[in-house]
Amino acid sequence: MEFVERKIIFHGSHFVDFYLEQTTKVQEKIEFVFHIIKRVERVSKKFLSPMENTDGLFEIRVEYGSNIYRIFCCFDEGRIVVLFNAFQKKTQKTPQKEIEKALRLKREYFELK
């Protein structure tokens, strides 16, 4: 079976607002990771990983320099990646409020669909 490219869409403006605040270099790195997610069938956990105990929530992982960025997303209809919120990771543990926000946005997305 031939691999069909994934499509990336945004729910709300949370991701776009975050993206626009970043430097050009960080934006380029985010776009590089998106390119991989769209075109590679089996994406490495280095770039895309399921979140534990979150009912289908994933995190896109972007590293630039010594900074780590996370973008929450989920899959819809298998090939659509829906982006929610994003943040710069400052500690080892992902902030619970960011996970809760992503879960709220995910529920909202599927309710509005």
C-alpha atoms as a PDB file:
ATOM      1  CA  MET A   1       0.000   0.000   0.000  1.00  0.00           C
ATOM      2  CA  GLU A   2       1.332   3.413  -0.933  1.00  0.00           C
ATOM      3  CA  PHE A   3       1.987   5.979   1.780  1.00  0.00           C
ATOM      4  CA  VAL A   4      -0.393   8.927   1.613  1.00  0.00           C
ATOM      5  CA  GLU A   5       1.015  12.214   2.883  1.00  0.00           C
ATOM      6  CA  ARG A   6      -0.455  13.499   6.122  1.00  0.00           C
ATOM      7  CA  LYS A   7      -2.160  16.859   6.318  1.00  0.00           C
ATOM      8  CA  ILE A   8      -1.494  19.271   9.204  1.00  0.00           C
ATOM      9  CA  ILE A   9      -4.295  21.572  10.308  1.00  0.00           C
ATOM     10  CA  PHE A  10      -4.745  23.971  13.229  1.00  0.00           C
ATOM     11  CA  HIS A  11      -7.579  24.078  15.748  1.00  0.00           C
ATOM     12  CA  GLY A  12      -7.951  27.643  16.966  1.00  0.00           C
ATOM     13  CA  SER A  13      -5.080  30.135  16.988  1.00  0.00           C
ATOM     14  CA  HIS A  14      -3.065  28.767  19.940  1.00  0.00           C
ATOM     15  CA  PHE A  15      -0.359  27.145  17.815  1.00  0.00           C
ATOM     16  CA  VAL A  16      -0.170  29.996  15.285  1.00  0.00           C
ATOM     17  CA  ASP A  17       0.155  32.583  18.074  1.00  0.00           C
ATOM     18  CA  PHE A  18       3.008  30.564  19.590  1.00  0.00           C
ATOM     19  CA  TYR A  19       4.702  30.040  16.209  1.00  0.00           C
ATOM     20  CA  LEU A  20       4.659  33.744  15.351  1.00  0.00           C
ATOM     21  CA  GLU A  21       6.406  34.588  18.653  1.00  0.00           C
ATOM     22  CA  GLN A  22       9.398  32.364  17.781  1.00  0.00           C
ATOM     23  CA  THR A  23      12.611  33.354  16.020  1.00  0.00           C
ATOM     24  CA  THR A  24      13.031  32.552  12.333  1.00  0.00           C
ATOM     25  CA  LYS A  25      15.435  29.718  13.197  1.00  0.00           C
ATOM     26  CA  VAL A  26      12.934  28.088  15.578  1.00  0.00           C
ATOM     27  CA  GLN A  27      10.172  28.488  12.983  1.00  0.00           C
ATOM     28  CA  GLU A  28      12.400  26.777  10.398  1.00  0.00           C
ATOM     29  CA  LYS A  29      13.054  23.875  12.774  1.00  0.00           C
ATOM     30  CA  ILE A  30       9.310  23.510  13.471  1.00  0.00           C
ATOM     31  CA  GLU A  31       8.670  23.449   9.701  1.00  0.00           C
ATOM     32  CA  PHE A  32      11.420  20.826   9.267  1.00  0.00           C
ATOM     33  CA  VAL A  33       9.710  18.567  11.844  1.00  0.00           C
ATOM     34  CA  PHE A  34       6.307  19.156  10.164  1.00  0.00           C
ATOM     35  CA  HIS A  35       7.866  18.126   6.839  1.00  0.00           C
ATOM     36  CA  ILE A  36       8.957  14.808   8.412  1.00  0.00           C
ATOM     37  CA  ILE A  37       5.537  14.223   9.987  1.00  0.00           C
ATOM     38  CA  LYS A  38       3.785  14.861   6.665  1.00  0.00           C
ATOM     39  CA  ARG A  39       6.028  12.700   4.516  1.00  0.00           C
ATOM     40  CA  VAL A  40       7.507   9.874   6.632  1.00  0.00           C
ATOM     41  CA  GLU A  41       5.279   6.869   7.246  1.00  0.00           C
ATOM     42  CA  ARG A  42       6.855   5.773  10.551  1.00  0.00           C
ATOM     43  CA  VAL A  43       7.840   8.974  12.353  1.00  0.00           C
ATOM     44  CA  SER A  44      10.539   8.571  15.023  1.00  0.00           C
ATOM     45  CA  LYS A  45       9.506   9.104  18.651  1.00  0.00           C
ATOM     46  CA  LYS A  46      12.208  11.780  18.643  1.00  0.00           C
ATOM     47  CA  PHE A  47       9.718  13.938  16.687  1.00  0.00           C
ATOM     48  CA  LEU A  48       6.251  12.553  17.487  1.00  0.00           C
ATOM     49  CA  SER A  49       5.255  10.651  20.580  1.00  0.00           C
ATOM     50  CA  PRO A  50       1.963   9.590  22.196  1.00  0.00           C
ATOM     51  CA  MET A  51       1.242  11.104  25.606  1.00  0.00           C
ATOM     52  CA  GLU A  52       0.482   8.568  28.313  1.00  0.00           C
ATOM     53  CA  ASN A  53      -3.047   8.401  29.724  1.00  0.00           C
ATOM     54  CA  THR A  54      -4.417  11.162  27.487  1.00  0.00           C
ATOM     55  CA  ASP A  55      -6.756   9.295  25.136  1.00  0.00           C
ATOM     56  CA  GLY A  56      -5.060   9.888  21.787  1.00  0.00           C
ATOM     57  CA  LEU A  57      -3.084  13.050  22.507  1.00  0.00           C
ATOM     58  CA  PHE A  58       0.390  13.257  20.950  1.00  0.00           C
ATOM     59  CA  GLU A  59       3.259  15.676  21.334  1.00  0.00           C
ATOM     60  CA  ILE A  60       5.418  16.921  18.510  1.00  0.00           C
ATOM     61  CA  ARG A  61       8.951  17.407  19.793  1.00  0.00           C
ATOM     62  CA  VAL A  62      11.157  20.176  18.452  1.00  0.00           C
ATOM     63  CA  GLU A  63      14.645  20.932  19.719  1.00  0.00           C
ATOM     64  CA  TYR A  64      16.671  23.935  18.672  1.00  0.00           C
ATOM     65  CA  GLY A  65      19.942  24.720  20.386  1.00  0.00           C
ATOM     66  CA  SER A  66      19.413  24.032  24.060  1.00  0.00           C
ATOM     67  CA  ASN A  67      15.690  24.818  23.854  1.00  0.00           C
ATOM     68  CA  ILE A  68      12.913  22.246  23.719  1.00  0.00           C
ATOM     69  CA  TYR A  69       9.469  22.984  22.289  1.00  0.00           C
ATOM     70  CA  ARG A  70       6.337  20.862  22.424  1.00  0.00           C
ATOM     71  CA  ILE A  71       3.258  21.027  20.225  1.00  0.00           C
ATOM     72  CA  PHE A  72       0.198  19.013  21.240  1.00  0.00           C
ATOM     73  CA  CYS A  73      -1.820  17.326  18.531  1.00  0.00           C
ATOM     74  CA  CYS A  74      -4.045  14.385  17.698  1.00  0.00           C
ATOM     75  CA  PHE A  75      -4.933  12.418  14.595  1.00  0.00           C
ATOM     76  CA  ASP A  76      -8.267  12.672  12.821  1.00  0.00           C
ATOM     77  CA  GLU A  77      -9.330  10.209  10.113  1.00  0.00           C
ATOM     78  CA  GLY A  78      -5.845   8.674  10.266  1.00  0.00           C
ATOM     79  CA  ARG A  79      -4.056  11.145   7.983  1.00  0.00           C
ATOM     80  CA  ILE A  80      -4.992  14.519   9.475  1.00  0.00           C
ATOM     81  CA  VAL A  81      -2.788  15.908  12.249  1.00  0.00           C
ATOM     82  CA  VAL A  82      -4.691  18.515  14.284  1.00  0.00           C
ATOM     83  CA  LEU A  83      -2.455  20.981  16.152  1.00  0.00           C
ATOM     84  CA  PHE A  84      -3.573  22.471  19.452  1.00  0.00           C
ATOM     85  CA  ASN A  85      -1.337  24.427  21.854  1.00  0.00           C
ATOM     86  CA  ALA A  86       2.456  24.699  22.015  1.00  0.00           C
ATOM     87  CA  PHE A  87       4.980  25.824  24.585  1.00  0.00           C
ATOM     88  CA  GLN A  88       8.678  25.995  25.341  1.00  0.00           C
ATOM     89  CA  LYS A  89       9.616  23.267  27.789  1.00  0.00           C
ATOM     90  CA  LYS A  90      11.566  24.585  30.772  1.00  0.00           C
ATOM     91  CA  THR A  91      11.610  21.461  32.983  1.00  0.00           C
ATOM     92  CA  GLN A  92      11.732  17.678  32.554  1.00  0.00           C
ATOM     93  CA  LYS A  93       8.046  17.328  33.363  1.00  0.00           C
ATOM     94  CA  THR A  94       5.402  18.570  30.933  1.00  0.00           C
ATOM     95  CA  PRO A  95       3.234  21.158  32.750  1.00  0.00           C
ATOM     96  CA  GLN A  96      -0.142  19.671  33.668  1.00  0.00           C
ATOM     97  CA  LYS A  97      -1.951  22.892  32.682  1.00  0.00           C
ATOM     98  CA  GLU A  98      -0.621  22.555  29.110  1.00  0.00           C
ATOM     99  CA  ILE A  99      -1.846  18.953  28.917  1.00  0.00           C
ATOM    100  CA  GLU A 100      -5.264  19.968  30.285  1.00  0.00           C
ATOM    101  CA  LYS A 101      -5.479  22.816  27.764  1.00  0.00           C
ATOM    102  CA  ALA A 102      -4.642  20.401  24.906  1.00  0.00           C
ATOM    103  CA  LEU A 103      -7.268  17.914  26.081  1.00  0.00           C
ATOM    104  CA  ARG A 104      -9.870  20.700  26.291  1.00  0.00           C
ATOM    105  CA  LEU A 105      -8.977  21.855  22.742  1.00  0.00           C
ATOM    106  CA  LYS A 106      -9.138  18.266  21.474  1.00  0.00           C
ATOM    107  CA  ARG A 107     -12.654  17.783  22.945  1.00  0.00           C
ATOM    108  CA  GLU A 108     -13.694  21.139  21.455  1.00  0.00           C
ATOM    109  CA  TYR A 109     -12.329  20.171  18.014  1.00  0.00           C
ATOM    110  CA  PHE A 110     -14.291  16.904  17.868  1.00  0.00           C
ATOM    111  CA  GLU A 111     -17.465  18.558  19.236  1.00  0.00           C
ATOM    112  CA  LEU A 112     -17.332  21.251  16.534  1.00  0.00           C
ATOM    113  CA  LYS A 113     -16.513  18.812  13.743  1.00  0.00           C
END
